[in-house]
Protein backbone atom coordinates (compact mmCIF):
# COMPACT_ATOMS: atom_id res chain seq x y z
CA MET A 1 -59.87 -17.20 146.27
CA ILE A 2 -63.68 -17.12 146.79
CA TYR A 3 -66.19 -19.14 144.78
CA VAL A 4 -69.87 -18.11 144.86
CA ASN A 5 -72.74 -20.42 143.95
CA PHE A 6 -76.45 -19.99 144.42
CA PHE A 7 -76.54 -21.41 147.90
CA HIS A 8 -73.37 -20.37 149.71
CA ILE A 9 -70.02 -18.69 149.47
CA VAL A 10 -67.03 -20.98 149.77
CA ARG A 11 -63.59 -19.63 150.59
CA ILE A 12 -60.70 -21.80 149.35
CA ASP A 13 -57.30 -21.18 150.95
CA MET A 14 -54.59 -21.31 148.35
CA SER A 15 -51.30 -22.89 149.25
CA CYS A 16 -47.93 -21.33 148.46
CA TYR A 17 -45.03 -23.74 148.12
CA LYS A 18 -41.42 -22.84 148.80
CA LEU A 19 -38.01 -24.60 148.61
CA THR A 20 -36.36 -25.36 151.94
CA GLU A 21 -32.66 -25.96 152.47
CA ASN A 22 -31.11 -28.01 155.22
CA GLU A 23 -29.00 -26.00 157.57
CA GLU A 24 -27.06 -29.05 158.67
CA GLU A 25 -23.78 -30.40 157.32
CA THR A 26 -25.56 -32.73 154.93
CA PRO A 27 -26.96 -30.84 151.88
CA GLY A 28 -30.62 -31.45 151.32
CA TYR A 29 -33.64 -29.76 150.01
CA GLY A 30 -37.35 -29.95 150.93
CA ILE A 31 -40.65 -28.22 150.48
CA GLU A 32 -42.76 -25.94 152.67
CA ALA A 33 -46.43 -25.38 152.11
CA VAL A 34 -48.09 -22.28 153.59
CA THR A 35 -51.74 -21.38 153.80
CA ASP A 36 -53.61 -18.80 155.84
CA ASP A 37 -54.22 -21.40 158.56
CA MET A 38 -51.15 -23.67 158.57
CA THR A 39 -47.60 -24.38 157.54
CA VAL A 40 -46.29 -27.84 156.60
CA ARG A 41 -42.57 -28.34 156.14
CA CYS A 42 -40.78 -31.45 154.82
CA ASP A 43 -37.03 -31.13 155.05
CA GLY A 44 -34.38 -33.36 153.57
CA VAL A 45 -36.43 -34.86 150.78
CA THR A 46 -33.58 -34.96 148.27
CA THR A 47 -30.12 -33.70 147.61
CA ASP A 48 -31.13 -32.73 144.03
CA LYS A 49 -31.87 -29.00 144.17
CA THR A 50 -33.02 -28.79 140.56
CA ALA A 51 -35.54 -31.59 141.01
CA MET A 52 -36.97 -30.01 144.14
CA ILE A 53 -37.23 -26.61 142.47
CA LYS A 54 -39.27 -28.25 139.65
CA LEU A 55 -41.48 -30.01 142.23
CA VAL A 56 -42.17 -26.72 144.04
CA ALA A 57 -43.01 -25.05 140.77
CA LEU A 58 -45.31 -27.88 139.81
CA CYS A 59 -47.15 -27.63 143.13
CA ASN A 60 -47.57 -23.88 142.80
CA ASP A 61 -48.58 -24.02 139.08
CA SER A 62 -51.14 -26.73 139.79
CA GLU A 63 -52.49 -24.88 142.90
CA LEU A 64 -52.12 -28.09 144.79
CA GLU A 65 -54.12 -28.25 148.03
CA ILE A 66 -51.96 -28.76 151.07
CA CYS A 67 -53.79 -32.03 151.99
CA HIS A 68 -52.20 -33.68 148.95
CA LEU A 69 -48.64 -32.81 149.78
CA ASP A 70 -47.81 -36.13 151.38
CA ASP A 71 -49.08 -38.02 148.33
CA ILE A 72 -47.03 -35.85 145.96
CA LEU A 73 -43.90 -36.40 148.03
CA GLU A 74 -44.55 -40.19 148.18
CA ASP A 75 -45.02 -40.30 144.38
CA TYR A 76 -41.89 -38.22 143.85
CA LEU A 77 -39.75 -40.51 146.09
CA THR A 78 -41.07 -43.81 144.77
CA ASP A 79 -41.58 -43.05 141.12
CA PHE A 80 -38.73 -40.61 140.33
CA CYS A 81 -35.96 -41.37 142.78
CA ILE A 82 -35.59 -45.14 142.60
């Protein structure tokens, strides 16, 4: 996405979020964020696949910037999993 104002052009990299699944014996799901420049992957966040699918959809629908992913995961784990 590109925004133009009177002084300069600013390119904003959009993040794409995906569900990840543990390949180990213990089932678990996480989230992967991908931009043009980087990939951040957090595996084993929860065993609740439905909850992680909703979180991934929320991140995509909100066009969440990748720099906020750690805060979103912290909020998810402390506010919704305790």
